[in-house]
């Protein structure tokens, strides 16, 4: 199974995994959703700068997106390279952005059928 790895601080990783659980998904599933979203929206250049994609992490925790489609890994690696980033740094920027923005949690709270 293909994987995309991003490294966060221990504190960030705990926040990410707690957040994933609050959304009702695993950390890997959340990571996959964020990677898919990035490949559609293309916000990486902005996120990389805002969320310190190049930061070195001496005591880091690994967040892994387990991919069922190996082509998705190739696509993400090429996407990261176009932005001058290593895949792990690009993934970490996406993960950090989500624990700051809460996109998925907000999306889950939207009720399209609420008539009020």
PDB file of N, CA and C in Angstrom:
ATOM      1  N   UNK A   1       0.848  -1.181   0.000  1.00  0.00           N
ATOM      2  CA  UNK A   1       0.000   0.000   0.000  1.00  0.00           C
ATOM      3  C   UNK A   1       0.890   1.239   0.000  1.00  0.00           C
ATOM      4  N   UNK A   2       0.588   2.174  -0.861  1.00  0.00           N
ATOM      5  CA  UNK A   2       1.350   3.418  -0.957  1.00  0.00           C
ATOM      6  C   UNK A   2       1.059   4.293   0.261  1.00  0.00           C
ATOM      7  N   UNK A   3       2.044   5.115   0.618  1.00  0.00           N
ATOM      8  CA  UNK A   3       1.907   5.997   1.775  1.00  0.00           C
ATOM      9  C   UNK A   3       2.475   7.371   1.470  1.00  0.00           C
ATOM     10  N   UNK A   4       1.888   8.374   2.112  1.00  0.00           N
ATOM     11  CA  UNK A   4       2.455   9.721   2.135  1.00  0.00           C
ATOM     12  C   UNK A   4       2.595  10.079   3.610  1.00  0.00           C
ATOM     13  N   UNK A   5       3.796  10.486   3.985  1.00  0.00           N
ATOM     14  CA  UNK A   5       4.103  10.762   5.379  1.00  0.00           C
ATOM     15  C   UNK A   5       4.337  12.251   5.576  1.00  0.00           C
ATOM     16  N   UNK A   6       3.847  12.759   6.688  1.00  0.00           N
ATOM     17  CA  UNK A   6       4.132  14.130   7.103  1.00  0.00           C
ATOM     18  C   UNK A   6       4.568  14.104   8.554  1.00  0.00           C
ATOM     19  N   UNK A   7       5.529  14.945   8.911  1.00  0.00           N
ATOM     20  CA  UNK A   7       6.053  14.962  10.274  1.00  0.00           C
ATOM     21  C   UNK A   7       5.608  16.229  10.995  1.00  0.00           C
ATOM     22  N   UNK A   8       5.036  16.029  12.175  1.00  0.00           N
ATOM     23  CA  UNK A   8       4.573  17.129  13.018  1.00  0.00           C
ATOM     24  C   UNK A   8       5.267  17.025  14.369  1.00  0.00           C
ATOM     25  N   UNK A   9       5.192  18.082  15.155  1.00  0.00           N
ATOM     26  CA  UNK A   9       5.665  17.971  16.528  1.00  0.00           C
ATOM     27  C   UNK A   9       4.750  16.996  17.253  1.00  0.00           C
ATOM     28  N   UNK A  10       5.184  16.489  18.371  1.00  0.00           N
ATOM     29  CA  UNK A  10       4.344  15.572  19.162  1.00  0.00           C
ATOM     30  C   UNK A  10       3.011  16.239  19.506  1.00  0.00           C
ATOM     31  N   UNK A  11       3.071  17.495  19.906  1.00  0.00           N
ATOM     32  CA  UNK A  11       1.858  18.233  20.282  1.00  0.00           C
ATOM     33  C   UNK A  11       0.918  18.392  19.082  1.00  0.00           C
ATOM     34  N   UNK A  12       1.478  18.757  17.930  1.00  0.00           N
ATOM     35  CA  UNK A  12       0.660  18.896  16.717  1.00  0.00           C
ATOM     36  C   UNK A  12       0.036  17.564  16.321  1.00  0.00           C
ATOM     37  N   UNK A  13       0.817  16.492  16.417  1.00  0.00           N
ATOM     38  CA  UNK A  13       0.309  15.168  16.037  1.00  0.00           C
ATOM     39  C   UNK A  13      -0.843  14.748  16.940  1.00  0.00           C
ATOM     40  N   UNK A  14      -0.732  15.006  18.220  1.00  0.00           N
ATOM     41  CA  UNK A  14      -1.822  14.684  19.141  1.00  0.00           C
ATOM     42  C   UNK A  14      -3.066  15.495  18.810  1.00  0.00           C
ATOM     43  N   UNK A  15      -2.886  16.777  18.519  1.00  0.00           N
ATOM     44  CA  UNK A  15      -4.020  17.618  18.119  1.00  0.00           C
ATOM     45  C   UNK A  15      -4.654  17.087  16.839  1.00  0.00           C
ATOM     46  N   UNK A  16      -3.828  16.709  15.866  1.00  0.00           N
ATOM     47  CA  UNK A  16      -4.316  16.188  14.589  1.00  0.00           C
ATOM     48  C   UNK A  16      -5.138  14.917  14.812  1.00  0.00           C
ATOM     49  N   UNK A  17      -4.608  13.987  15.597  1.00  0.00           N
ATOM     50  CA  UNK A  17      -5.301  12.719  15.829  1.00  0.00           C
ATOM     51  C   UNK A  17      -6.564  12.913  16.661  1.00  0.00           C
ATOM     52  N   UNK A  18      -6.520  13.802  17.650  1.00  0.00           N
ATOM     53  CA  UNK A  18      -7.726  14.113  18.426  1.00  0.00           C
ATOM     54  C   UNK A  18      -8.791  14.750  17.540  1.00  0.00           C
ATOM     55  N   UNK A  19      -8.353  15.643  16.674  1.00  0.00           N
ATOM     56  CA  UNK A  19      -9.257  16.304  15.737  1.00  0.00           C
ATOM     57  C   UNK A  19      -9.894  15.288  14.787  1.00  0.00           C
ATOM     58  N   UNK A  20      -9.070  14.368  14.257  1.00  0.00           N
ATOM     59  CA  UNK A  20      -9.590  13.327  13.366  1.00  0.00           C
ATOM     60  C   UNK A  20     -10.669  12.516  14.087  1.00  0.00           C
ATOM     61  N   UNK A  21     -10.395  12.162  15.317  1.00  0.00           N
ATOM     62  CA  UNK A  21     -11.367  11.396  16.096  1.00  0.00           C
ATOM     63  C   UNK A  21     -12.652  12.195  16.303  1.00  0.00           C
ATOM     64  N   UNK A  22     -12.527  13.490  16.573  1.00  0.00           N
ATOM     65  CA  UNK A  22     -13.706  14.342  16.751  1.00  0.00           C
ATOM     66  C   UNK A  22     -14.540  14.405  15.468  1.00  0.00           C
ATOM     67  N   UNK A  23     -13.883  14.235  14.327  1.00  0.00           N
ATOM     68  CA  UNK A  23     -14.580  14.227  13.036  1.00  0.00           C
ATOM     69  C   UNK A  23     -15.116  12.839  12.688  1.00  0.00           C
ATOM     70  N   UNK A  24     -14.767  11.848  13.494  1.00  0.00           N
ATOM     71  CA  UNK A  24     -15.257  10.493  13.251  1.00  0.00           C
ATOM     72  C   UNK A  24     -14.459   9.702  12.235  1.00  0.00           C
ATOM     73  N   UNK A  25     -13.191  10.085  12.038  1.00  0.00           N
ATOM     74  CA  UNK A  25     -12.335   9.388  11.075  1.00  0.00           C
ATOM     75  C   UNK A  25     -10.980   9.091  11.725  1.00  0.00           C
ATOM     76  N   UNK A  26     -10.205   8.253  11.076  1.00  0.00           N
ATOM     77  CA  UNK A  26      -8.847   7.977  11.547  1.00  0.00           C
ATOM     78  C   UNK A  26      -7.905   9.080  11.074  1.00  0.00           C
ATOM     79  N   UNK A  27      -6.720   9.120  11.657  1.00  0.00           N
ATOM     80  CA  UNK A  27      -5.712  10.077  11.207  1.00  0.00           C
ATOM     81  C   UNK A  27      -5.341   9.869   9.752  1.00  0.00           C
ATOM     82  N   UNK A  28      -5.245   8.619   9.342  1.00  0.00           N
ATOM     83  CA  UNK A  28      -4.916   8.312   7.946  1.00  0.00           C
ATOM     84  C   UNK A  28      -6.014   8.783   7.002  1.00  0.00           C
ATOM     85  N   UNK A  29      -7.258   8.581   7.399  1.00  0.00           N
ATOM     86  CA  UNK A  29      -8.376   9.025   6.564  1.00  0.00           C
ATOM     87  C   UNK A  29      -8.385  10.542   6.437  1.00  0.00           C
ATOM     88  N   UNK A  30      -8.171  11.236   7.543  1.00  0.00           N
ATOM     89  CA  UNK A  30      -8.108  12.698   7.496  1.00  0.00           C
ATOM     90  C   UNK A  30      -6.966  13.151   6.601  1.00  0.00           C
ATOM     91  N   UNK A  31      -5.809  12.528   6.743  1.00  0.00           N
ATOM     92  CA  UNK A  31      -4.663  12.873   5.901  1.00  0.00           C
ATOM     93  C   UNK A  31      -5.005  12.678   4.422  1.00  0.00           C
ATOM     94  N   UNK A  32      -5.680  11.579   4.093  1.00  0.00           N
ATOM     95  CA  UNK A  32      -6.098  11.324   2.713  1.00  0.00           C
ATOM     96  C   UNK A  32      -7.046  12.396   2.202  1.00  0.00           C
ATOM     97  N   UNK A  33      -8.013  12.759   3.022  1.00  0.00           N
ATOM     98  CA  UNK A  33      -8.960  13.809   2.620  1.00  0.00           C
ATOM     99  C   UNK A  33      -8.242  15.124   2.339  1.00  0.00           C
ATOM    100  N   UNK A  34      -7.289  15.459   3.191  1.00  0.00           N
ATOM    101  CA  UNK A  34      -6.560  16.718   3.012  1.00  0.00           C
ATOM    102  C   UNK A  34      -5.698  16.697   1.756  1.00  0.00           C
ATOM    103  N   UNK A  35      -5.099  15.567   1.473  1.00  0.00           N
ATOM    104  CA  UNK A  35      -4.292  15.430   0.254  1.00  0.00           C
ATOM    105  C   UNK A  35      -5.190  15.537  -0.976  1.00  0.00           C
ATOM    106  N   UNK A  36      -6.331  14.863  -0.951  1.00  0.00           N
ATOM    107  CA  UNK A  36      -7.269  14.947  -2.076  1.00  0.00           C
ATOM    108  C   UNK A  36      -7.765  16.371  -2.269  1.00  0.00           C
ATOM    109  N   UNK A  37      -8.078  17.025  -1.173  1.00  0.00           N
ATOM    110  CA  UNK A  37      -8.546  18.418  -1.236  1.00  0.00           C
ATOM    111  C   UNK A  37      -7.476  19.320  -1.839  1.00  0.00           C
ATOM    112  N   UNK A  38      -6.233  19.116  -1.411  1.00  0.00           N
ATOM    113  CA  UNK A  38      -5.136  19.928  -1.942  1.00  0.00           C
ATOM    114  C   UNK A  38      -4.959  19.716  -3.436  1.00  0.00           C
ATOM    115  N   UNK A  39      -5.051  18.503  -3.890  1.00  0.00           N
ATOM    116  CA  UNK A  39      -4.882  18.237  -5.318  1.00  0.00           C
ATOM    117  C   UNK A  39      -5.992  18.877  -6.150  1.00  0.00           C
ATOM    118  N   UNK A  40      -7.132  19.128  -5.542  1.00  0.00           N
ATOM    119  CA  UNK A  40      -8.226  19.818  -6.239  1.00  0.00           C
ATOM    120  C   UNK A  40      -8.109  21.338  -6.146  1.00  0.00           C
ATOM    121  N   UNK A  41      -7.729  21.841  -4.960  1.00  0.00           N
ATOM    122  CA  UNK A  41      -7.734  23.290  -4.731  1.00  0.00           C
ATOM    123  C   UNK A  41      -6.404  23.974  -5.017  1.00  0.00           C
ATOM    124  N   UNK A  42      -5.297  23.286  -4.832  1.00  0.00           N
ATOM    125  CA  UNK A  42      -3.986  23.854  -5.122  1.00  0.00           C
ATOM    126  C   UNK A  42      -3.592  25.039  -4.245  1.00  0.00           C
ATOM    127  N   UNK A  43      -3.727  24.892  -2.933  1.00  0.00           N
ATOM    128  CA  UNK A  43      -3.378  25.979  -2.020  1.00  0.00           C
ATOM    129  C   UNK A  43      -1.981  25.834  -1.433  1.00  0.00           C
ATOM    130  N   UNK A  44      -1.221  24.860  -1.868  1.00  0.00           N
ATOM    131  CA  UNK A  44       0.039  24.500  -1.225  1.00  0.00           C
ATOM    132  C   UNK A  44       1.036  25.642  -1.127  1.00  0.00           C
ATOM    133  N   UNK A  45       1.163  26.453  -2.146  1.00  0.00           N
ATOM    134  CA  UNK A  45       2.158  27.530  -2.083  1.00  0.00           C
ATOM    135  C   UNK A  45       1.861  28.481  -0.937  1.00  0.00           C
ATOM    136  N   UNK A  46       0.594  28.788  -0.709  1.00  0.00           N
ATOM    137  CA  UNK A  46       0.201  29.667   0.397  1.00  0.00           C
ATOM    138  C   UNK A  46       0.354  28.945   1.731  1.00  0.00           C
ATOM    139  N   UNK A  47      -0.105  27.715   1.790  1.00  0.00           N
ATOM    140  CA  UNK A  47      -0.052  26.959   3.043  1.00  0.00           C
ATOM    141  C   UNK A  47       1.374  26.653   3.471  1.00  0.00           C
ATOM    142  N   UNK A  48       2.246  26.364   2.512  1.00  0.00           N
ATOM    143  CA  UNK A  48       3.628  26.026   2.847  1.00  0.00           C
ATOM    144  C   UNK A  48       4.308  27.182   3.582  1.00  0.00           C
ATOM    145  N   UNK A  49       4.062  28.373   3.130  1.00  0.00           N
ATOM    146  CA  UNK A  49       4.658  29.542   3.784  1.00  0.00           C
ATOM    147  C   UNK A  49       3.996  29.804   5.133  1.00  0.00           C
ATOM    148  N   UNK A  50       2.692  29.751   5.164  1.00  0.00           N
ATOM    149  CA  UNK A  50       1.955  30.055   6.397  1.00  0.00           C
ATOM    150  C   UNK A  50       2.174  29.012   7.484  1.00  0.00           C
ATOM    151  N   UNK A  51       2.402  27.767   7.097  1.00  0.00           N
ATOM    152  CA  UNK A  51       2.513  26.701   8.085  1.00  0.00           C
ATOM    153  C   UNK A  51       3.890  26.049   8.105  1.00  0.00           C
ATOM    154  N   UNK A  52       4.891  26.817   7.740  1.00  0.00           N
ATOM    155  CA  UNK A  52       6.294  26.447   7.905  1.00  0.00           C
ATOM    156  C   UNK A  52       6.635  25.054   7.388  1.00  0.00           C
ATOM    157  N   UNK A  53       6.414  24.844   6.131  1.00  0.00           N
ATOM    158  CA  UNK A  53       6.646  23.521   5.540  1.00  0.00           C
ATOM    159  C   UNK A  53       8.103  23.094   5.611  1.00  0.00           C
ATOM    160  N   UNK A  54       9.026  24.022   5.637  1.00  0.00           N
ATOM    161  CA  UNK A  54      10.442  23.655   5.631  1.00  0.00           C
ATOM    162  C   UNK A  54      11.033  23.489   7.028  1.00  0.00           C
ATOM    163  N   UNK A  55      10.213  23.703   8.061  1.00  0.00           N
ATOM    164  CA  UNK A  55      10.711  23.629   9.433  1.00  0.00           C
ATOM    165  C   UNK A  55      11.269  22.243   9.742  1.00  0.00           C
ATOM    166  N   UNK A  56      12.421  22.205  10.379  1.00  0.00           N
ATOM    167  CA  UNK A  56      13.030  20.952  10.799  1.00  0.00           C
ATOM    168  C   UNK A  56      12.442  20.546  12.145  1.00  0.00           C
ATOM    169  N   UNK A  57      12.125  19.271  12.286  1.00  0.00           N
ATOM    170  CA  UNK A  57      11.512  18.790  13.517  1.00  0.00           C
ATOM    171  C   UNK A  57      12.372  17.698  14.151  1.00  0.00           C
ATOM    172  N   UNK A  58      13.172  18.061  15.153  1.00  0.00           N
ATOM    173  CA  UNK A  58      14.038  17.053  15.769  1.00  0.00           C
ATOM    174  C   UNK A  58      13.260  15.953  16.497  1.00  0.00           C
ATOM    175  N   UNK A  59      12.229  16.302  17.238  1.00  0.00           N
ATOM    176  CA  UNK A  59      11.400  15.311  17.943  1.00  0.00           C
ATOM    177  C   UNK A  59      10.040  15.270  17.272  1.00  0.00           C
ATOM    178  N   UNK A  60       9.971  14.531  16.180  1.00  0.00           N
ATOM    179  CA  UNK A  60       8.754  14.584  15.384  1.00  0.00           C
ATOM    180  C   UNK A  60       7.943  13.303  15.474  1.00  0.00           C
ATOM    181  N   UNK A  61       6.661  13.470  15.178  1.00  0.00           N
ATOM    182  CA  UNK A  61       5.732  12.341  15.112  1.00  0.00           C
ATOM    183  C   UNK A  61       5.264  12.214  13.675  1.00  0.00           C
ATOM    184  N   UNK A  62       5.098  11.004  13.237  1.00  0.00           N
ATOM    185  CA  UNK A  62       4.747  10.720  11.845  1.00  0.00           C
ATOM    186  C   UNK A  62       3.236  10.548  11.709  1.00  0.00           C
ATOM    187  N   UNK A  63       2.651  11.257  10.747  1.00  0.00           N
ATOM    188  CA  UNK A  63       1.258  11.072  10.357  1.00  0.00           C
ATOM    189  C   UNK A  63       1.291  10.472   8.952  1.00  0.00           C
ATOM    190  N   UNK A  64       0.642   9.334   8.793  1.00  0.00           N
ATOM    191  CA  UNK A  64       0.718   8.596   7.528  1.00  0.00           C
ATOM    192  C   UNK A  64      -0.651   8.525   6.862  1.00  0.00           C
ATOM    193  N   UNK A  65      -0.671   8.890   5.590  1.00  0.00           N
ATOM    194  CA  UNK A  65      -1.849   8.679   4.749  1.00  0.00           C
ATOM    195  C   UNK A  65      -1.613   7.379   3.996  1.00  0.00           C
ATOM    196  N   UNK A  66      -2.411   6.356   4.281  1.00  0.00           N
ATOM    197  CA  UNK A  66      -2.329   5.078   3.573  1.00  0.00           C
ATOM    198  C   UNK A  66      -3.230   5.186   2.346  1.00  0.00           C
ATOM    199  N   UNK A  67      -2.634   5.051   1.183  1.00  0.00           N
ATOM    200  CA  UNK A  67      -3.349   5.272  -0.078  1.00  0.00           C
ATOM    201  C   UNK A  67      -3.695   3.959  -0.759  1.00  0.00           C
ATOM    202  N   UNK A  68      -4.913   3.854  -1.226  1.00  0.00           N
ATOM    203  CA  UNK A  68      -5.299   2.666  -1.982  1.00  0.00           C
ATOM    204  C   UNK A  68      -4.881   2.778  -3.450  1.00  0.00           C
ATOM    205  N   UNK A  69      -4.675   4.002  -3.917  1.00  0.00           N
ATOM    206  CA  UNK A  69      -4.297   4.240  -5.309  1.00  0.00           C
ATOM    207  C   UNK A  69      -2.863   4.772  -5.373  1.00  0.00           C
ATOM    208  N   UNK A  70      -1.916   3.969  -5.842  1.00  0.00           N
ATOM    209  CA  UNK A  70      -0.530   4.428  -5.902  1.00  0.00           C
ATOM    210  C   UNK A  70      -0.327   5.638  -6.826  1.00  0.00           C
ATOM    211  N   UNK A  71      -1.233   5.833  -7.773  1.00  0.00           N
ATOM    212  CA  UNK A  71      -1.130   6.995  -8.650  1.00  0.00           C
ATOM    213  C   UNK A  71      -1.339   8.294  -7.875  1.00  0.00           C
ATOM    214  N   UNK A  72      -2.114   8.227  -6.799  1.00  0.00           N
ATOM    215  CA  UNK A  72      -2.349   9.412  -5.968  1.00  0.00           C
ATOM    216  C   UNK A  72      -1.040   9.867  -5.326  1.00  0.00           C
ATOM    217  N   UNK A  73      -0.194   8.911  -4.928  1.00  0.00           N
ATOM    218  CA  UNK A  73       1.112   9.237  -4.355  1.00  0.00           C
ATOM    219  C   UNK A  73       1.978   9.939  -5.395  1.00  0.00           C
ATOM    220  N   UNK A  74       2.015   9.389  -6.588  1.00  0.00           N
ATOM    221  CA  UNK A  74       2.794   9.987  -7.674  1.00  0.00           C
ATOM    222  C   UNK A  74       2.304  11.394  -7.972  1.00  0.00           C
ATOM    223  N   UNK A  75       0.998  11.571  -8.009  1.00  0.00           N
ATOM    224  CA  UNK A  75       0.400  12.881  -8.273  1.00  0.00           C
ATOM    225  C   UNK A  75       0.766  13.882  -7.179  1.00  0.00           C
ATOM    226  N   UNK A  76       0.707  13.457  -5.927  1.00  0.00           N
ATOM    227  CA  UNK A  76       1.038  14.359  -4.822  1.00  0.00           C
ATOM    228  C   UNK A  76       2.527  14.698  -4.813  1.00  0.00           C
ATOM    229  N   UNK A  77       3.380  13.724  -5.071  1.00  0.00           N
ATOM    230  CA  UNK A  77       4.829  13.987  -5.121  1.00  0.00           C
ATOM    231  C   UNK A  77       5.145  15.022  -6.197  1.00  0.00           C
ATOM    232  N   UNK A  78       4.518  14.885  -7.365  1.00  0.00           N
ATOM    233  CA  UNK A  78       4.738  15.851  -8.450  1.00  0.00           C
ATOM    234  C   UNK A  78       4.200  17.224  -8.057  1.00  0.00           C
ATOM    235  N   UNK A  79       3.056  17.248  -7.403  1.00  0.00           N
ATOM    236  CA  UNK A  79       2.452  18.504  -6.944  1.00  0.00           C
ATOM    237  C   UNK A  79       3.382  19.209  -5.963  1.00  0.00           C
ATOM    238  N   UNK A  80       3.911  18.462  -5.000  1.00  0.00           N
ATOM    239  CA  UNK A  80       4.844  19.037  -4.022  1.00  0.00           C
ATOM    240  C   UNK A  80       6.087  19.574  -4.726  1.00  0.00           C
ATOM    241  N   UNK A  81       6.619  18.821  -5.657  1.00  0.00           N
ATOM    242  CA  UNK A  81       7.826  19.238  -6.382  1.00  0.00           C
ATOM    243  C   UNK A  81       7.597  20.519  -7.172  1.00  0.00           C
ATOM    244  N   UNK A  82       6.411  20.674  -7.754  1.00  0.00           N
ATOM    245  CA  UNK A  82       6.108  21.908  -8.489  1.00  0.00           C
ATOM    246  C   UNK A  82       6.145  23.134  -7.579  1.00  0.00           C
ATOM    247  N   UNK A  83       5.944  22.908  -6.292  1.00  0.00           N
ATOM    248  CA  UNK A  83       5.978  24.001  -5.317  1.00  0.00           C
ATOM    249  C   UNK A  83       7.305  24.066  -4.583  1.00  0.00           C
ATOM    250  N   UNK A  84       8.290  23.303  -5.066  1.00  0.00           N
ATOM    251  CA  UNK A  84       9.622  23.319  -4.472  1.00  0.00           C
ATOM    252  C   UNK A  84       9.699  22.662  -3.104  1.00  0.00           C
ATOM    253  N   UNK A  85       8.806  21.702  -2.844  1.00  0.00           N
ATOM    254  CA  UNK A  85       8.755  21.052  -1.539  1.00  0.00           C
ATOM    255  C   UNK A  85       8.979  19.554  -1.651  1.00  0.00           C
ATOM    256  N   UNK A  86       9.503  18.995  -0.592  1.00  0.00           N
ATOM    257  CA  UNK A  86       9.543  17.546  -0.468  1.00  0.00           C
ATOM    258  C   UNK A  86       8.139  17.104  -0.058  1.00  0.00           C
ATOM    259  N   UNK A  87       7.740  15.896  -0.435  1.00  0.00           N
ATOM    260  CA  UNK A  87       6.387  15.436  -0.111  1.00  0.00           C
ATOM    261  C   UNK A  87       6.057  15.475   1.382  1.00  0.00           C
ATOM    262  N   UNK A  88       6.998  15.096   2.228  1.00  0.00           N
ATOM    263  CA  UNK A  88       6.739  15.089   3.675  1.00  0.00           C
ATOM    264  C   UNK A  88       6.493  16.502   4.196  1.00  0.00           C
ATOM    265  N   UNK A  89       7.234  17.462   3.692  1.00  0.00           N
ATOM    266  CA  UNK A  89       7.045  18.859   4.107  1.00  0.00           C
ATOM    267  C   UNK A  89       5.702  19.382   3.611  1.00  0.00           C
ATOM    268  N   UNK A  90       5.334  19.013   2.397  1.00  0.00           N
ATOM    269  CA  UNK A  90       4.044  19.442   1.840  1.00  0.00           C
ATOM    270  C   UNK A  90       2.895  18.849   2.651  1.00  0.00           C
ATOM    271  N   UNK A  91       2.992  17.562   2.967  1.00  0.00           N
ATOM    272  CA  UNK A  91       1.942  16.912   3.755  1.00  0.00           C
ATOM    273  C   UNK A  91       1.837  17.558   5.134  1.00  0.00           C
ATOM    274  N   UNK A  92       2.958  17.821   5.772  1.00  0.00           N
ATOM    275  CA  UNK A  92       2.946  18.450   7.099  1.00  0.00           C
ATOM    276  C   UNK A  92       2.266  19.819   7.053  1.00  0.00           C
ATOM    277  N   UNK A  93       2.499  20.584   6.010  1.00  0.00           N
ATOM    278  CA  UNK A  93       1.851  21.895   5.875  1.00  0.00           C
ATOM    279  C   UNK A  93       0.340  21.730   5.782  1.00  0.00           C
ATOM    280  N   UNK A  94      -0.122  20.724   5.050  1.00  0.00           N
ATOM    281  CA  UNK A  94      -1.564  20.467   4.948  1.00  0.00           C
ATOM    282  C   UNK A  94      -2.148  20.075   6.301  1.00  0.00           C
ATOM    283  N   UNK A  95      -1.433  19.236   7.018  1.00  0.00           N
ATOM    284  CA  UNK A  95      -1.910  18.778   8.323  1.00  0.00           C
ATOM    285  C   UNK A  95      -1.975  19.939   9.318  1.00  0.00           C
ATOM    286  N   UNK A  96      -0.916  20.765   9.328  1.00  0.00           N
ATOM    287  CA  UNK A  96      -0.903  21.932  10.230  1.00  0.00           C
ATOM    288  C   UNK A  96      -2.025  22.907   9.881  1.00  0.00           C
ATOM    289  N   UNK A  97      -2.246  23.111   8.603  1.00  0.00           N
ATOM    290  CA  UNK A  97      -3.310  24.027   8.183  1.00  0.00           C
ATOM    291  C   UNK A  97      -4.658  23.542   8.693  1.00  0.00           C
ATOM    292  N   UNK A  98      -4.900  22.235   8.619  1.00  0.00           N
ATOM    293  CA  UNK A  98      -6.205  21.718   9.038  1.00  0.00           C
ATOM    294  C   UNK A  98      -6.435  21.874  10.533  1.00  0.00           C
ATOM    295  N   UNK A  99      -5.404  21.692  11.349  1.00  0.00           N
ATOM    296  CA  UNK A  99      -5.628  21.854  12.789  1.00  0.00           C
ATOM    297  C   UNK A  99      -5.716  23.329  13.183  1.00  0.00           C
ATOM    298  N   UNK A 100      -5.509  24.204  12.229  1.00  0.00           N
ATOM    299  CA  UNK A 100      -5.737  25.637  12.451  1.00  0.00           C
ATOM    300  C   UNK A 100      -7.064  26.090  11.843  1.00  0.00           C
ATOM    301  N   UNK A 101      -7.455  25.485  10.719  1.00  0.00           N
ATOM    302  CA  UNK A 101      -8.637  25.936   9.972  1.00  0.00           C
ATOM    303  C   UNK A 101      -9.917  25.145  10.270  1.00  0.00           C
ATOM    304  N   UNK A 102      -9.797  23.882  10.625  1.00  0.00           N
ATOM    305  CA  UNK A 102     -10.948  23.011  10.925  1.00  0.00           C
ATOM    306  C   UNK A 102     -11.937  22.899   9.764  1.00  0.00           C
ATOM    307  N   UNK A 103     -11.427  22.800   8.550  1.00  0.00           N
ATOM    308  CA  UNK A 103     -12.279  22.695   7.369  1.00  0.00           C
ATOM    309  C   UNK A 103     -13.241  21.504   7.471  1.00  0.00           C
ATOM    310  N   UNK A 104     -12.711  20.318   7.790  1.00  0.00           N
ATOM    311  CA  UNK A 104     -13.570  19.138   7.783  1.00  0.00           C
ATOM    312  C   UNK A 104     -14.657  19.232   8.852  1.00  0.00           C
ATOM    313  N   UNK A 105     -14.314  19.666  10.032  1.00  0.00           N
ATOM    314  CA  UNK A 105     -15.309  19.784  11.096  1.00  0.00           C
ATOM    315  C   UNK A 105     -16.405  20.769  10.708  1.00  0.00           C
ATOM    316  N   UNK A 106     -16.021  21.879  10.111  1.00  0.00           N
ATOM    317  CA  UNK A 106     -17.027  22.855   9.660  1.00  0.00           C
ATOM    318  C   UNK A 106     -17.897  22.252   8.562  1.00  0.00           C
ATOM    319  N   UNK A 107     -17.286  21.513   7.648  1.00  0.00           N
ATOM    320  CA  UNK A 107     -18.047  20.893   6.557  1.00  0.00           C
ATOM    321  C   UNK A 107     -19.037  19.860   7.098  1.00  0.00           C
ATOM    322  N   UNK A 108     -18.653  19.143   8.124  1.00  0.00           N
ATOM    323  CA  UNK A 108     -19.542  18.139   8.705  1.00  0.00           C
ATOM    324  C   UNK A 108     -20.722  18.764   9.437  1.00  0.00           C
ATOM    325  N   UNK A 109     -20.575  19.990   9.856  1.00  0.00           N
ATOM    326  CA  UNK A 109     -21.641  20.665  10.586  1.00  0.00           C
ATOM    327  C   UNK A 109     -22.665  21.356   9.672  1.00  0.00           C
ATOM    328  N   UNK A 110     -22.389  21.453   8.391  1.00  0.00           N
ATOM    329  CA  UNK A 110     -23.281  22.102   7.456  1.00  0.00           C
ATOM    330  C   UNK A 110     -24.509  21.233   7.235  1.00  0.00           C
ATOM    331  N   UNK A 111     -25.666  21.824   7.370  1.00  0.00           N
ATOM    332  CA  UNK A 111     -26.906  21.104   7.130  1.00  0.00           C
ATOM    333  C   UNK A 111     -27.567  21.712   5.899  1.00  0.00           C
ATOM    334  N   UNK A 112     -27.411  21.040   4.787  1.00  0.00           N
ATOM    335  CA  UNK A 112     -27.938  21.549   3.521  1.00  0.00           C
ATOM    336  C   UNK A 112     -29.463  21.554   3.485  1.00  0.00           C
ATOM    337  N   UNK A 113     -30.087  20.809   4.379  1.00  0.00           N
ATOM    338  CA  UNK A 113     -31.538  20.666   4.351  1.00  0.00           C
ATOM    339  C   UNK A 113     -32.245  21.480   5.437  1.00  0.00           C
ATOM    340  N   UNK A 114     -31.473  22.256   6.163  1.00  0.00           N
ATOM    341  CA  UNK A 114     -32.073  23.087   7.214  1.00  0.00           C
ATOM    342  C   UNK A 114     -32.801  24.241   6.567  1.00  0.00           C
ATOM    343  N   UNK A 115     -34.093  24.352   6.804  1.00  0.00           N
ATOM    344  CA  UNK A 115     -34.892  25.397   6.157  1.00  0.00           C
ATOM    345  C   UNK A 115     -35.026  26.654   6.989  1.00  0.00           C
ATOM    346  N   UNK A 116     -34.430  26.651   8.184  1.00  0.00           N
ATOM    347  CA  UNK A 116     -34.527  27.844   9.030  1.00  0.00           C
ATOM    348  C   UNK A 116     -33.628  28.959   8.578  1.00  0.00           C
TER     349      UNK A 116
END
